[in-house]
């Protein structure tokens, strides 16, 4: 007995190959939605070049801290502008601050920088 299929009978049918996935399925994400929101806010703050310069200046100090009054001259900014930028860096957790008399000293929080680094690797 011969297996014969009348090709004319099946002309209107399209024969398709089984669909293969085009890409490897994504793994589960490493960031929760809350962490992603926090990181996005931090990166927005770091999107200002002057704030990156400030972090660089603070990190370059021997004790990794600086008085807010010391940043105006090297950056060529008015004191209120310096204070605004420092406030934004503090708000997202990149800096901690300590009042000493009438002066406020800012220090980089290394654990926040480590978290940023880890999120990009």
N, C-alpha and C. Protein backbone atom coordinates (compact mmCIF):
# COMPACT_ATOMS: atom_id res chain seq x y z
N UNK A 1 0.84 -1.16 0.00
CA UNK A 1 0.00 0.00 0.00
C UNK A 1 0.89 1.23 0.00
N UNK A 2 0.64 2.11 -0.88
CA UNK A 2 1.44 3.31 -1.05
C UNK A 2 0.74 4.46 -0.33
N UNK A 3 1.57 5.24 0.39
CA UNK A 3 1.03 6.44 1.03
C UNK A 3 1.06 7.57 0.01
N UNK A 4 -0.09 7.95 -0.44
CA UNK A 4 -0.17 8.98 -1.45
C UNK A 4 -1.04 10.11 -0.93
N UNK A 5 -0.50 11.33 -0.99
CA UNK A 5 -1.25 12.51 -0.58
C UNK A 5 -1.46 13.36 -1.82
N UNK A 6 -2.66 13.67 -2.07
CA UNK A 6 -2.98 14.50 -3.22
C UNK A 6 -2.60 15.94 -2.89
N UNK A 7 -1.53 16.45 -3.47
CA UNK A 7 -1.01 17.78 -3.20
C UNK A 7 -2.03 18.84 -3.57
N UNK A 8 -2.78 18.63 -4.61
CA UNK A 8 -3.79 19.60 -5.03
C UNK A 8 -4.84 19.82 -3.96
N UNK A 9 -5.10 18.80 -3.21
CA UNK A 9 -6.12 18.89 -2.17
C UNK A 9 -5.68 19.84 -1.05
N UNK A 10 -4.38 20.01 -0.85
CA UNK A 10 -3.88 20.80 0.26
C UNK A 10 -3.20 22.10 -0.18
N UNK A 11 -3.47 22.59 -1.40
CA UNK A 11 -2.83 23.80 -1.91
C UNK A 11 -3.17 25.03 -1.08
N UNK A 12 -4.36 25.12 -0.59
CA UNK A 12 -4.76 26.32 0.16
C UNK A 12 -4.16 26.37 1.56
N UNK A 13 -3.60 25.29 2.01
CA UNK A 13 -3.01 25.27 3.36
C UNK A 13 -1.55 25.73 3.29
N UNK A 14 -1.21 26.54 4.24
CA UNK A 14 0.18 26.97 4.32
C UNK A 14 0.91 26.04 5.27
N UNK A 15 2.02 25.60 4.81
CA UNK A 15 2.84 24.74 5.65
C UNK A 15 3.90 25.62 6.29
N UNK A 16 3.91 25.60 7.58
CA UNK A 16 4.88 26.44 8.28
C UNK A 16 5.78 25.59 9.14
N UNK A 17 6.94 26.10 9.33
CA UNK A 17 7.90 25.42 10.18
C UNK A 17 7.56 25.74 11.63
N UNK A 18 7.90 24.88 12.52
CA UNK A 18 7.64 25.21 13.93
C UNK A 18 8.42 26.46 14.31
N UNK A 19 7.78 27.34 15.06
CA UNK A 19 8.42 28.60 15.45
C UNK A 19 9.44 28.34 16.55
N UNK A 20 10.60 28.84 16.31
CA UNK A 20 11.68 28.75 17.29
C UNK A 20 11.81 30.11 17.95
N UNK A 21 12.13 30.14 19.21
CA UNK A 21 12.30 31.44 19.85
C UNK A 21 13.47 32.19 19.21
N UNK A 22 13.28 33.49 18.99
CA UNK A 22 14.33 34.28 18.34
C UNK A 22 15.47 34.60 19.28
N UNK A 23 15.18 34.62 20.55
CA UNK A 23 16.20 34.99 21.54
C UNK A 23 16.12 34.05 22.72
N UNK A 24 17.17 34.05 23.46
CA UNK A 24 17.17 33.30 24.70
C UNK A 24 16.23 33.98 25.68
N UNK A 25 15.44 33.24 26.42
CA UNK A 25 14.54 33.88 27.37
C UNK A 25 15.32 34.68 28.41
N UNK A 26 14.74 35.80 28.83
CA UNK A 26 15.40 36.64 29.83
C UNK A 26 15.41 35.97 31.18
N UNK A 27 16.48 36.18 31.88
CA UNK A 27 16.56 35.71 33.26
C UNK A 27 15.78 36.67 34.13
N UNK A 28 15.53 36.29 35.32
CA UNK A 28 14.84 37.22 36.21
C UNK A 28 15.74 38.41 36.46
N UNK A 29 15.15 39.58 36.59
CA UNK A 29 15.91 40.80 36.81
C UNK A 29 16.58 40.81 38.17
N UNK A 30 17.65 41.56 38.26
CA UNK A 30 18.38 41.66 39.53
C UNK A 30 17.83 42.77 40.39
N UNK A 31 17.12 43.72 39.79
CA UNK A 31 16.60 44.86 40.55
C UNK A 31 15.10 44.71 40.76
N UNK A 32 14.68 45.05 41.95
CA UNK A 32 13.25 45.13 42.20
C UNK A 32 12.76 46.46 41.64
N UNK A 33 11.47 46.63 41.44
CA UNK A 33 10.97 47.93 40.96
C UNK A 33 11.36 49.08 41.88
N UNK A 34 11.36 48.85 43.18
CA UNK A 34 11.73 49.91 44.13
C UNK A 34 13.21 50.28 44.00
N UNK A 35 14.05 49.28 43.83
CA UNK A 35 15.48 49.55 43.65
C UNK A 35 15.73 50.30 42.35
N UNK A 36 14.98 49.96 41.31
CA UNK A 36 15.14 50.65 40.03
C UNK A 36 14.75 52.12 40.14
N UNK A 37 13.69 52.41 40.89
CA UNK A 37 13.27 53.81 41.09
C UNK A 37 14.35 54.58 41.86
N UNK A 38 14.89 53.95 42.89
CA UNK A 38 15.95 54.58 43.69
C UNK A 38 17.20 54.84 42.85
N UNK A 39 17.60 53.86 42.06
CA UNK A 39 18.78 54.04 41.21
C UNK A 39 18.56 55.11 40.16
N UNK A 40 17.38 55.14 39.57
CA UNK A 40 17.09 56.16 38.55
C UNK A 40 17.20 57.56 39.14
N UNK A 41 16.69 57.74 40.36
CA UNK A 41 16.78 59.05 41.02
C UNK A 41 18.25 59.42 41.26
N UNK A 42 19.03 58.45 41.69
CA UNK A 42 20.45 58.70 41.94
C UNK A 42 21.18 59.06 40.66
N UNK A 43 20.91 58.32 39.60
CA UNK A 43 21.58 58.63 38.33
C UNK A 43 21.13 59.97 37.76
N UNK A 44 19.88 60.36 38.02
CA UNK A 44 19.43 61.70 37.58
C UNK A 44 20.24 62.78 38.29
N UNK A 45 20.46 62.61 39.58
CA UNK A 45 21.25 63.58 40.35
C UNK A 45 22.69 63.61 39.83
N UNK A 46 23.22 62.44 39.49
CA UNK A 46 24.60 62.37 38.98
C UNK A 46 24.71 62.85 37.54
N UNK A 47 23.59 63.09 36.89
CA UNK A 47 23.61 63.59 35.52
C UNK A 47 24.08 65.03 35.40
N UNK A 48 24.22 65.71 36.50
CA UNK A 48 24.71 67.09 36.52
C UNK A 48 26.24 67.05 36.66
N UNK A 49 26.99 67.51 35.67
CA UNK A 49 28.46 67.44 35.72
C UNK A 49 29.08 68.09 36.96
N UNK A 50 28.48 69.18 37.42
CA UNK A 50 29.05 69.86 38.59
C UNK A 50 29.00 68.96 39.83
N UNK A 51 27.96 68.15 39.94
CA UNK A 51 27.85 67.25 41.08
C UNK A 51 28.90 66.14 41.01
N UNK A 52 29.21 65.70 39.81
CA UNK A 52 30.28 64.72 39.66
C UNK A 52 31.62 65.32 40.05
N UNK A 53 31.83 66.59 39.68
CA UNK A 53 33.07 67.27 40.09
C UNK A 53 33.13 67.38 41.60
N UNK A 54 32.02 67.68 42.23
CA UNK A 54 32.00 67.79 43.69
C UNK A 54 32.38 66.46 44.34
N UNK A 55 31.78 65.37 43.85
CA UNK A 55 32.12 64.06 44.39
C UNK A 55 33.60 63.76 44.20
N UNK A 56 34.13 64.13 43.05
CA UNK A 56 35.54 63.91 42.77
C UNK A 56 36.43 64.70 43.74
N UNK A 57 36.05 65.96 43.98
CA UNK A 57 36.83 66.78 44.92
C UNK A 57 36.78 66.22 46.34
N UNK A 58 35.60 65.79 46.75
CA UNK A 58 35.46 65.24 48.10
C UNK A 58 36.26 63.94 48.22
N UNK A 59 36.17 63.08 47.21
CA UNK A 59 36.89 61.80 47.24
C UNK A 59 38.40 62.00 47.24
N UNK A 60 38.87 63.11 46.68
CA UNK A 60 40.31 63.36 46.59
C UNK A 60 40.91 63.88 47.90
N UNK A 61 40.07 64.28 48.84
CA UNK A 61 40.58 64.80 50.11
C UNK A 61 41.12 63.65 50.96
N UNK A 62 42.17 63.91 51.74
CA UNK A 62 42.78 62.83 52.54
C UNK A 62 41.78 62.12 53.46
N UNK A 63 40.88 62.86 54.08
CA UNK A 63 39.91 62.23 54.99
C UNK A 63 38.55 62.02 54.32
N UNK A 64 38.50 62.25 53.01
CA UNK A 64 37.29 62.07 52.19
C UNK A 64 36.08 62.85 52.71
N UNK A 65 36.37 64.03 53.24
CA UNK A 65 35.30 64.92 53.66
C UNK A 65 35.73 66.35 53.38
N UNK A 66 34.73 67.23 53.28
CA UNK A 66 35.03 68.62 52.97
C UNK A 66 33.93 69.49 53.58
N UNK A 67 34.32 70.69 53.97
CA UNK A 67 33.36 71.68 54.43
C UNK A 67 32.72 72.29 53.20
N UNK A 68 31.43 72.53 53.27
CA UNK A 68 30.71 73.11 52.13
C UNK A 68 31.35 74.43 51.68
N UNK A 69 31.89 75.18 52.62
CA UNK A 69 32.48 76.48 52.28
C UNK A 69 33.74 76.35 51.42
N UNK A 70 34.37 75.19 51.43
CA UNK A 70 35.61 74.99 50.67
C UNK A 70 35.39 74.68 49.19
N UNK A 71 34.16 74.41 48.78
CA UNK A 71 33.90 74.00 47.40
C UNK A 71 33.60 75.15 46.45
N UNK A 72 33.16 76.28 46.97
CA UNK A 72 32.74 77.39 46.11
C UNK A 72 33.88 77.88 45.22
N UNK A 73 35.04 78.14 45.80
CA UNK A 73 36.15 78.69 45.02
C UNK A 73 36.69 77.74 43.95
N UNK A 74 37.02 76.47 44.29
CA UNK A 74 37.56 75.59 43.24
C UNK A 74 36.57 75.30 42.11
N UNK A 75 35.28 75.35 42.41
CA UNK A 75 34.28 75.07 41.38
C UNK A 75 33.80 76.33 40.67
N UNK A 76 34.14 77.49 41.21
CA UNK A 76 33.71 78.75 40.61
C UNK A 76 32.21 78.98 40.73
N UNK A 77 31.64 78.55 41.84
CA UNK A 77 30.20 78.67 42.06
C UNK A 77 29.92 79.54 43.28
N UNK A 78 28.73 80.10 43.31
CA UNK A 78 28.29 80.84 44.49
C UNK A 78 27.95 79.84 45.59
N UNK A 79 28.07 80.26 46.84
CA UNK A 79 27.81 79.36 47.97
C UNK A 79 26.40 78.76 47.95
N UNK A 80 25.35 79.54 47.62
CA UNK A 80 24.01 78.92 47.57
C UNK A 80 23.90 77.81 46.51
N UNK A 81 24.61 77.95 45.40
CA UNK A 81 24.59 76.92 44.36
C UNK A 81 25.30 75.66 44.84
N UNK A 82 26.42 75.84 45.52
CA UNK A 82 27.15 74.71 46.09
C UNK A 82 26.25 73.98 47.08
N UNK A 83 25.58 74.74 47.95
CA UNK A 83 24.71 74.14 48.95
C UNK A 83 23.57 73.36 48.30
N UNK A 84 23.03 73.89 47.22
CA UNK A 84 21.95 73.19 46.52
C UNK A 84 22.43 71.84 45.97
N UNK A 85 23.58 71.85 45.31
CA UNK A 85 24.11 70.60 44.75
C UNK A 85 24.43 69.59 45.85
N UNK A 86 25.02 70.05 46.94
CA UNK A 86 25.33 69.16 48.06
C UNK A 86 24.05 68.58 48.66
N UNK A 87 23.02 69.41 48.74
CA UNK A 87 21.73 68.96 49.27
C UNK A 87 21.17 67.83 48.40
N UNK A 88 21.27 67.98 47.09
CA UNK A 88 20.76 66.95 46.17
C UNK A 88 21.56 65.65 46.31
N UNK A 89 22.87 65.75 46.44
CA UNK A 89 23.70 64.56 46.62
C UNK A 89 23.40 63.87 47.95
N UNK A 90 23.12 64.67 48.96
CA UNK A 90 22.76 64.12 50.27
C UNK A 90 21.38 63.45 50.22
N UNK A 91 20.46 64.07 49.51
CA UNK A 91 19.09 63.58 49.44
C UNK A 91 19.01 62.16 48.85
N UNK A 92 19.85 61.85 47.86
CA UNK A 92 19.84 60.51 47.26
C UNK A 92 20.78 59.54 47.97
N UNK A 93 21.41 59.99 49.05
CA UNK A 93 22.21 59.10 49.86
C UNK A 93 23.65 58.92 49.45
N UNK A 94 24.17 59.81 48.60
CA UNK A 94 25.57 59.71 48.20
C UNK A 94 26.51 60.35 49.22
N UNK A 95 25.98 61.32 49.96
CA UNK A 95 26.78 62.02 50.96
C UNK A 95 26.09 61.98 52.31
N UNK A 96 26.89 61.99 53.35
CA UNK A 96 26.34 62.23 54.68
C UNK A 96 26.90 63.57 55.14
N UNK A 97 26.18 64.22 56.03
CA UNK A 97 26.64 65.55 56.48
C UNK A 97 26.66 65.59 58.00
N UNK A 98 27.53 66.47 58.47
CA UNK A 98 27.69 66.65 59.92
C UNK A 98 27.92 68.13 60.19
N UNK A 99 27.10 68.66 61.05
CA UNK A 99 27.26 70.07 61.44
C UNK A 99 28.30 70.17 62.54
N UNK A 100 29.25 71.09 62.34
CA UNK A 100 30.29 71.38 63.34
C UNK A 100 30.29 72.88 63.55
N UNK A 101 29.60 73.31 64.56
CA UNK A 101 29.43 74.75 64.79
C UNK A 101 28.54 75.32 63.71
N UNK A 102 29.05 76.31 62.99
CA UNK A 102 28.25 76.90 61.91
C UNK A 102 28.54 76.26 60.55
N UNK A 103 29.50 75.33 60.51
CA UNK A 103 29.90 74.72 59.25
C UNK A 103 29.30 73.33 59.10
N UNK A 104 29.06 72.96 57.85
CA UNK A 104 28.56 71.62 57.55
C UNK A 104 29.60 70.89 56.72
N UNK A 105 30.00 69.73 57.20
CA UNK A 105 30.98 68.90 56.52
C UNK A 105 30.26 67.74 55.83
N UNK A 106 30.70 67.46 54.60
CA UNK A 106 30.10 66.40 53.80
C UNK A 106 31.12 65.29 53.57
N UNK A 107 30.63 64.07 53.63
CA UNK A 107 31.48 62.89 53.46
C UNK A 107 30.76 61.93 52.50
N UNK A 108 31.51 61.30 51.61
CA UNK A 108 30.96 60.33 50.67
C UNK A 108 30.60 59.05 51.41
N UNK A 109 29.46 58.47 51.06
CA UNK A 109 29.06 57.18 51.62
C UNK A 109 29.51 56.07 50.66
N UNK A 110 30.58 55.36 51.02
CA UNK A 110 31.12 54.36 50.09
C UNK A 110 30.15 53.23 49.77
N UNK A 111 29.26 52.89 50.72
CA UNK A 111 28.33 51.79 50.46
C UNK A 111 27.34 52.13 49.34
N UNK A 112 26.95 53.40 49.22
CA UNK A 112 26.05 53.81 48.13
C UNK A 112 26.77 53.74 46.79
N UNK A 113 28.04 54.16 46.77
CA UNK A 113 28.82 54.07 45.53
C UNK A 113 29.04 52.61 45.14
N UNK A 114 29.23 51.74 46.12
CA UNK A 114 29.40 50.31 45.84
C UNK A 114 28.11 49.74 45.25
N UNK A 115 26.96 50.19 45.76
CA UNK A 115 25.68 49.72 45.23
C UNK A 115 25.51 50.16 43.77
N UNK A 116 25.89 51.41 43.46
CA UNK A 116 25.81 51.90 42.08
C UNK A 116 26.70 51.06 41.17
N UNK A 117 27.90 50.80 41.63
CA UNK A 117 28.84 50.01 40.86
C UNK A 117 28.29 48.60 40.61
N UNK A 118 27.74 47.98 41.65
CA UNK A 118 27.20 46.62 41.52
C UNK A 118 26.00 46.58 40.58
N UNK A 119 25.22 47.64 40.54
CA UNK A 119 24.03 47.64 39.69
C UNK A 119 24.39 47.71 38.21
N UNK A 120 25.59 48.16 37.90
CA UNK A 120 26.03 48.28 36.52
C UNK A 120 26.83 47.08 36.03
N UNK A 121 27.12 46.17 36.93
CA UNK A 121 27.93 45.02 36.51
C UNK A 121 27.09 43.78 36.35
